[in-house]
Protein backbone atom coordinates (compact mmCIF):
# COMPACT_ATOMS: atom_id res chain seq x y z
CA MET A 1 22.92 72.28 112.89
CA TYR A 2 20.64 69.25 113.19
CA GLY A 3 17.49 69.35 111.14
CA LEU A 4 18.80 72.04 108.81
CA ARG A 5 21.01 72.00 105.75
CA LEU A 6 24.66 72.53 106.57
CA ASP A 7 25.91 76.01 105.75
CA PRO A 8 28.69 75.78 103.09
CA ILE A 9 30.33 78.83 104.70
CA ALA A 10 32.33 77.97 107.81
CA PHE A 11 33.01 81.52 108.94
CA SER A 12 33.89 85.00 107.72
CA LEU A 13 36.77 87.29 108.62
CA GLY A 14 35.74 90.70 107.37
CA PRO A 15 35.66 90.49 103.57
CA ILE A 16 37.19 87.00 103.62
CA THR A 17 34.74 84.10 103.49
CA VAL A 18 36.03 80.68 104.45
CA HIS A 19 34.10 77.76 102.98
CA TRP A 20 33.88 74.27 104.45
CA TYR A 21 34.83 72.98 101.00
CA GLY A 22 38.25 74.61 101.30
CA ILE A 23 38.75 73.49 104.89
CA ILE A 24 37.93 69.90 103.98
CA LEU A 25 40.27 69.90 100.98
CA GLY A 26 43.00 71.42 103.15
CA THR A 27 42.47 68.70 105.75
CA ALA A 28 42.65 66.06 103.03
CA ALA A 29 45.97 67.46 101.83
CA LEU A 30 47.36 67.58 105.38
CA VAL A 31 46.41 63.97 106.14
CA GLY A 32 47.95 62.87 102.85
CA LEU A 33 51.13 64.75 103.72
CA LEU A 34 51.41 63.13 107.15
CA LEU A 35 50.98 59.65 105.68
CA ALA A 36 53.67 60.28 103.06
CA VAL A 37 56.10 61.82 105.58
CA ARG A 38 55.73 58.89 107.95
CA GLU A 39 56.32 56.29 105.25
CA GLY A 40 59.05 58.36 103.63
CA LYS A 41 61.11 58.29 106.83
CA ARG A 42 61.48 54.52 106.41
CA PHE A 43 63.38 55.20 103.21
CA GLY A 44 65.39 58.20 104.41
CA LEU A 45 63.30 60.84 102.66
CA SER A 46 63.00 64.10 104.59
CA PRO A 47 59.68 65.75 105.53
CA ASP A 48 60.79 68.80 103.50
CA PHE A 49 60.82 66.66 100.39
CA PHE A 50 57.11 65.93 100.77
CA MET A 51 56.28 69.42 101.98
CA ASP A 52 57.72 70.88 98.78
CA LEU A 53 55.84 68.24 96.81
CA LEU A 54 52.60 69.27 98.52
CA LEU A 55 53.18 72.97 97.89
CA LEU A 56 53.71 72.23 94.20
CA GLY A 57 51.29 69.35 93.80
CA VAL A 58 48.13 70.81 95.37
CA PRO A 59 47.95 73.85 93.05
CA SER A 60 48.76 71.60 90.09
CA ALA A 61 46.02 69.16 91.09
CA ILE A 62 43.42 71.90 91.60
CA LEU A 63 44.33 73.52 88.29
CA GLY A 64 44.16 70.19 86.47
CA ALA A 65 40.86 69.31 88.12
CA ARG A 66 39.31 72.63 87.20
CA ILE A 67 40.57 72.63 83.60
CA TYR A 68 39.28 69.07 83.15
CA PHE A 69 35.81 69.98 84.46
CA VAL A 70 35.50 73.27 82.58
CA ALA A 71 36.67 71.65 79.34
CA PHE A 72 33.65 69.34 79.41
CA LYS A 73 31.33 72.16 80.51
CA TRP A 74 32.72 74.82 78.22
CA ASP A 75 29.33 76.07 77.05
CA GLU A 76 28.50 77.02 80.64
CA TYR A 77 31.75 78.89 81.26
CA LYS A 78 32.68 80.55 77.98
CA GLY A 79 30.33 83.44 78.65
CA ASN A 80 31.90 84.25 82.03
CA LEU A 81 35.52 83.19 82.32
CA LEU A 82 35.82 84.55 85.85
CA ASP A 83 33.68 81.65 87.05
CA PHE A 84 36.62 79.41 86.22
CA PHE A 85 38.26 80.50 89.48
CA LYS A 86 35.24 79.91 91.75
CA ILE A 87 36.19 76.42 92.84
CA TRP A 88 34.51 76.94 96.22
CA ASN A 89 31.24 76.46 94.35
CA GLY A 90 32.37 72.99 93.34
CA GLY A 91 33.13 71.83 89.84
CA ILE A 92 36.43 69.98 90.01
CA ALA A 93 37.08 66.49 88.64
CA ILE A 94 39.27 63.97 90.42
CA TYR A 95 40.76 62.53 87.25
CA GLY A 96 41.79 66.02 86.20
CA ALA A 97 43.37 66.47 89.63
CA LEU A 98 45.33 63.25 89.16
CA ILE A 99 46.57 64.38 85.76
CA GLY A 100 47.76 67.69 87.19
CA ALA A 101 49.36 66.07 90.23
CA PHE A 102 51.15 63.39 88.20
CA ILE A 103 52.58 65.88 85.71
CA CYS A 104 53.91 67.88 88.65
CA GLY A 105 55.23 64.73 90.31
CA ILE A 106 57.08 63.50 87.24
CA ILE A 107 58.89 66.83 86.90
CA TYR A 108 59.60 67.17 90.64
CA PHE A 109 60.88 63.61 91.14
CA ARG A 110 63.12 63.90 88.10
CA TYR A 111 64.52 67.18 89.37
CA LYS A 112 65.25 65.61 92.76
CA GLY A 113 66.83 62.54 91.17
CA TYR A 114 64.36 59.85 92.22
CA SER A 115 62.45 57.18 90.35
CA PHE A 116 58.84 58.17 89.71
CA TRP A 117 57.62 54.68 90.59
CA ARG A 118 59.33 54.60 93.99
CA ILE A 119 57.98 57.95 95.21
CA ALA A 120 54.55 57.49 93.62
CA ASP A 121 54.24 54.21 95.53
CA ILE A 122 54.92 55.99 98.80
CA CYS A 123 52.33 58.65 97.91
CA ALA A 124 49.59 56.22 96.77
CA PRO A 125 47.97 55.84 100.23
CA SER A 126 48.08 59.62 100.58
CA LEU A 127 46.13 60.02 97.34
CA ILE A 128 43.31 57.69 98.33
CA ALA A 129 43.17 59.12 101.87
CA GLY A 130 42.88 62.63 100.42
CA GLN A 131 40.07 61.52 98.12
CA MET A 132 38.31 59.79 101.01
CA ILE A 133 38.24 63.02 103.03
CA GLY A 134 37.75 65.35 100.08
CA ARG A 135 34.42 63.71 99.14
CA TRP A 136 32.89 65.30 102.25
CA GLY A 137 33.33 68.65 100.55
CA ASN A 138 30.76 67.46 98.01
CA PHE A 139 28.45 66.62 100.90
CA VAL A 140 28.61 70.13 102.34
CA ASN A 141 28.04 71.67 98.90
CA GLN A 142 25.13 69.31 98.16
CA GLU A 143 26.71 68.13 94.92
CA ALA A 144 27.86 64.88 93.31
CA TYR A 145 24.87 63.07 94.77
CA GLY A 146 22.97 60.16 93.27
CA GLY A 147 19.45 59.61 92.04
CA PRO A 148 16.29 59.91 94.16
CA VAL A 149 15.66 57.51 97.04
CA GLU A 150 13.10 57.18 99.79
CA GLU A 151 13.94 58.81 103.11
CA SER A 152 13.33 55.45 104.76
CA PHE A 153 16.18 53.95 102.70
CA LEU A 154 18.61 56.44 104.19
CA ARG A 155 17.31 56.19 107.74
CA ASP A 156 16.17 52.60 108.12
CA THR A 157 18.25 50.69 105.56
CA LEU A 158 21.54 52.61 105.70
CA HIS A 159 20.97 53.85 109.27
CA LEU A 160 22.54 57.21 108.48
CA PRO A 161 22.54 59.96 111.12
CA ASN A 162 20.02 62.76 110.79
CA TRP A 163 22.55 65.41 109.73
CA ILE A 164 23.56 63.34 106.68
CA VAL A 165 19.97 62.45 105.77
CA THR A 166 18.92 66.10 106.04
CA ASN A 167 21.67 67.28 103.72
CA MET A 168 20.70 64.63 101.18
CA ASN A 169 17.36 66.39 100.82
CA VAL A 170 17.84 68.59 97.76
CA ASP A 171 14.83 70.71 96.82
CA GLY A 172 12.51 68.37 98.69
CA VAL A 173 13.89 65.13 97.20
CA PHE A 174 16.20 62.71 99.01
CA HIS A 175 19.18 61.37 97.06
CA HIS A 176 21.77 58.63 97.22
CA PRO A 177 24.76 59.84 99.30
CA THR A 178 27.26 58.84 96.63
CA PHE A 179 29.90 60.94 98.39
CA LEU A 180 29.56 58.58 101.34
CA TYR A 181 29.64 55.45 99.18
CA GLU A 182 32.86 56.58 97.56
CA SER A 183 34.40 57.76 100.81
CA MET A 184 33.78 54.37 102.43
CA TRP A 185 35.09 52.53 99.37
CA ASN A 186 38.23 54.67 99.46
CA LEU A 187 38.71 53.76 103.11
CA LEU A 188 38.67 50.09 102.13
CA VAL A 189 41.21 50.71 99.36
CA LEU A 190 43.41 52.62 101.82
CA VAL A 191 43.44 49.67 104.21
CA VAL A 192 44.37 47.31 101.36
CA LEU A 193 47.26 49.57 100.31
CA LEU A 194 48.57 49.87 103.86
CA VAL A 195 48.51 46.08 104.25
CA ILE A 196 50.09 44.97 100.98
CA ARG A 197 52.90 47.53 101.03
CA ARG A 198 54.50 45.45 103.79
CA ARG A 199 54.37 42.26 101.72
CA PRO A 200 57.64 41.05 100.14
CA PHE A 201 56.04 40.22 96.78
CA LEU A 202 55.28 43.89 95.99
CA ARG A 203 57.44 45.41 93.26
CA ALA A 204 58.13 49.08 92.60
CA GLY A 205 55.19 50.75 90.90
CA GLU A 206 52.68 48.09 91.89
CA LEU A 207 51.25 49.91 94.91
CA LEU A 208 50.39 52.82 92.62
CA MET A 209 48.81 50.43 90.12
CA THR A 210 46.83 48.78 92.93
CA TYR A 211 45.57 52.23 93.91
CA PHE A 212 44.39 52.85 90.34
CA ILE A 213 42.67 49.47 90.16
CA GLY A 214 41.01 49.75 93.56
CA TYR A 215 39.81 53.31 93.21
CA SER A 216 38.62 52.83 89.63
CA ILE A 217 36.52 49.76 90.45
CA GLY A 218 34.59 51.71 93.05
CA ARG A 219 34.33 54.80 90.89
CA PHE A 220 32.99 52.81 87.93
CA PHE A 221 30.02 51.47 89.87
CA ILE A 222 29.33 54.55 92.01
CA GLU A 223 29.54 56.97 89.08
CA ALA A 224 26.46 55.45 87.43
CA LEU A 225 24.38 56.38 90.48
CA ARG A 226 25.15 60.08 90.08
CA THR A 227 23.00 62.64 88.30
CA ASP A 228 25.75 65.12 87.39
CA SER A 229 28.17 62.94 85.43
CA LEU A 230 30.25 64.45 82.65
CA ALA A 231 29.34 62.55 79.50
CA PHE A 232 29.91 62.35 75.76
CA HIS A 233 28.18 60.83 72.75
CA GLY A 234 29.76 57.48 71.94
CA ALA A 235 28.87 54.41 69.93
CA SER A 236 25.67 52.73 71.08
CA TRP A 237 27.46 49.38 71.45
CA ALA A 238 29.98 51.00 73.81
CA ALA A 239 27.19 52.48 75.93
CA SER A 240 25.46 49.09 76.04
CA PHE A 241 28.72 47.42 77.05
CA MET A 242 29.19 49.87 79.93
CA ASN A 243 25.64 49.31 81.09
CA ALA A 244 26.09 45.54 80.91
CA LEU A 245 29.19 45.73 83.12
CA TRP A 246 27.26 47.78 85.65
CA SER A 247 24.10 45.65 85.48
CA PRO A 248 24.81 43.50 88.62
CA MET A 249 24.33 46.69 90.64
CA GLY A 250 20.84 46.97 89.17
CA ILE A 251 19.67 44.28 91.57
CA VAL A 252 19.80 46.86 94.36
CA PHE A 253 20.21 50.28 92.73
CA ASP A 254 18.87 52.25 89.78
CA GLN A 255 21.22 54.31 87.66
CA GLY A 256 21.12 58.05 88.13
CA TYR A 257 19.67 60.24 85.40
CA LEU A 258 21.97 61.00 82.47
CA ASN A 259 20.84 63.78 80.16
CA PRO A 260 20.74 62.32 76.61
CA ALA A 261 21.65 65.74 75.24
CA GLU A 262 25.01 65.58 77.03
CA GLY A 263 25.89 62.05 75.97
CA ASN A 264 25.30 58.35 76.48
CA ILE A 265 28.63 57.38 78.09
CA ARG A 266 29.81 58.69 81.45
CA ILE A 267 33.38 59.89 81.05
CA SER A 268 34.50 58.85 84.54
CA GLN A 269 33.18 55.33 83.98
CA LEU A 270 35.12 55.01 80.74
CA ILE A 271 38.32 56.37 82.29
CA SER A 272 37.90 54.04 85.26
CA LEU A 273 37.58 51.04 82.98
CA LEU A 274 40.61 52.07 80.92
CA LEU A 275 42.68 52.65 84.07
CA ILE A 276 41.86 49.20 85.41
CA ILE A 277 42.92 47.57 82.14
CA ALA A 278 46.05 49.73 81.84
CA ALA A 279 47.14 49.13 85.44
CA ILE A 280 46.76 45.36 85.16
CA ALA A 281 48.62 45.37 81.84
CA MET A 282 51.36 47.54 83.40
CA ILE A 283 51.89 45.13 86.29
CA ILE A 284 52.05 42.10 84.00
CA GLY A 285 54.16 43.87 81.39
CA ARG A 286 56.75 45.25 83.83
CA ARG A 287 57.14 41.88 85.51
CA THR A 288 57.39 40.02 82.20
CA THR A 289 60.05 42.34 80.79
CA GLY A 290 62.00 42.47 84.03
CA GLU A 291 61.52 46.21 84.36
CA ALA A 292 59.95 45.69 87.79
CA ASN A 293 63.16 44.33 89.29
CA ALA A 294 63.14 46.61 92.35
CA ARG A 295 60.88 45.77 95.25
CA TYR A 296 58.85 48.26 97.22
CA SER A 297 60.89 47.46 100.35
CA ASP A 298 64.24 48.11 98.63
CA PRO A 299 66.14 51.32 99.47
CA VAL A 300 65.14 54.37 97.43
CA ILE A 301 68.20 55.31 95.37
CA ASN A 302 68.94 58.81 94.17
CA TYR A 303 70.17 58.23 90.62
CA LYS A 304 72.07 61.55 90.61
CA THR A 305 74.32 60.44 93.47
CA GLY A 306 73.93 56.68 93.33
CA LEU A 307 73.30 56.65 97.08
CA PRO A 308 70.19 55.77 99.11
CA ALA A 309 67.86 58.60 100.06
CA GLY A 310 68.91 60.28 103.28
CA ALA A 311 72.48 59.06 102.99
CA THR A 312 73.61 61.53 100.32
CA THR A 313 74.90 64.35 102.52
CA GLU A 314 76.16 62.10 105.27
CA LYS A 315 78.10 59.88 102.88
CA LYS A 316 79.68 62.85 101.18
CA VAL A 317 80.83 64.23 104.54
CA GLU A 318 82.22 60.86 105.59
CA ARG A 319 84.12 60.55 102.33
CA LYS A 320 85.62 64.03 102.74
CA GLU A 321 86.67 63.27 106.32
CA THR A 322 88.18 59.98 105.22
CA ASP A 323 90.11 61.71 102.44
CA LYS A 324 91.42 64.33 104.90
CA GLU A 325 92.51 61.67 107.39
CA SER A 326 94.25 59.74 104.63
CA ALA A 327 96.03 62.86 103.42
CA GLY A 328 97.06 63.82 106.98
CA GLY A 329 98.31 60.34 107.80
CA HIS A 330 100.36 60.22 104.62
CA GLY A 331 102.02 63.53 105.42
CA GLU A 332 102.88 62.47 108.98
CA SER A 333 104.36 59.24 107.73
CA THR A 334 106.57 61.12 105.28
CA LEU A 335 107.97 63.40 108.00
CA LYS A 336 108.85 60.47 110.25
CA GLU A 337 110.70 58.78 107.45
């Protein structure tokens, strides 16, 4: 409703309360599924393959995201463990979600007989699209916002609609809509991924690495604007180095408040930086060693059967029919003789 804070509760069905947060995350998962199914068809992968992956991956991602967040906020949760399950109140971390999802993916792809790199590449646009949509759950919950700003900055500089500006007013103070910054950045990364995956130079695994690089660059700079970052106490030189890397943003923005009691290094910034370095090193290393010999556009081979995805059952049937015809023809020839 315009002029008022958005209600986090979408509707209620008797004792069941449905939150916008859950609806938005469900929508994010559905969009990601549709993107993966559509691309998977090009390689002969069935929609059921990705549906099963979603049914396994979403719970794994949510569990990983919650464990990650609670682990760094243990003092707040150890007195009431039941709060661990109240994810509708927020409190999940995207890097924890990625850890949970990738552990699930590694096991699932291996079980199905496919290369992790090939399927993860196909799923990379789905991941960033899901994150792009999922950030709006933070908006509804009035969480993961940035430091204070003037209302005029939101209305006159960013030209945001009234319903966004209103929800950025937390306890009488307007804040940076960092959810929106990250959502828009993720949209840009999504477009880049969709464009380069059709380029012949792309090797297996490199679309996933591009996703890590693209997302992490945006997350590194946006994270410093937030006021709720998970942090730890690190070496002062490391904190200074992180601030120096972020300093070009200081021309326009001020960093969000970071409680010195919680730490001097934002965990998500550090992980983002490490992921960028690791992804670049992975691309160079796999190309140098020849491990990245398959291209993204190559057929996806099931290493259990040695056949391309989608051709497994059909090829087996054809082979059986061919064997039967050969056996029948041989018998007929013998009788004639």
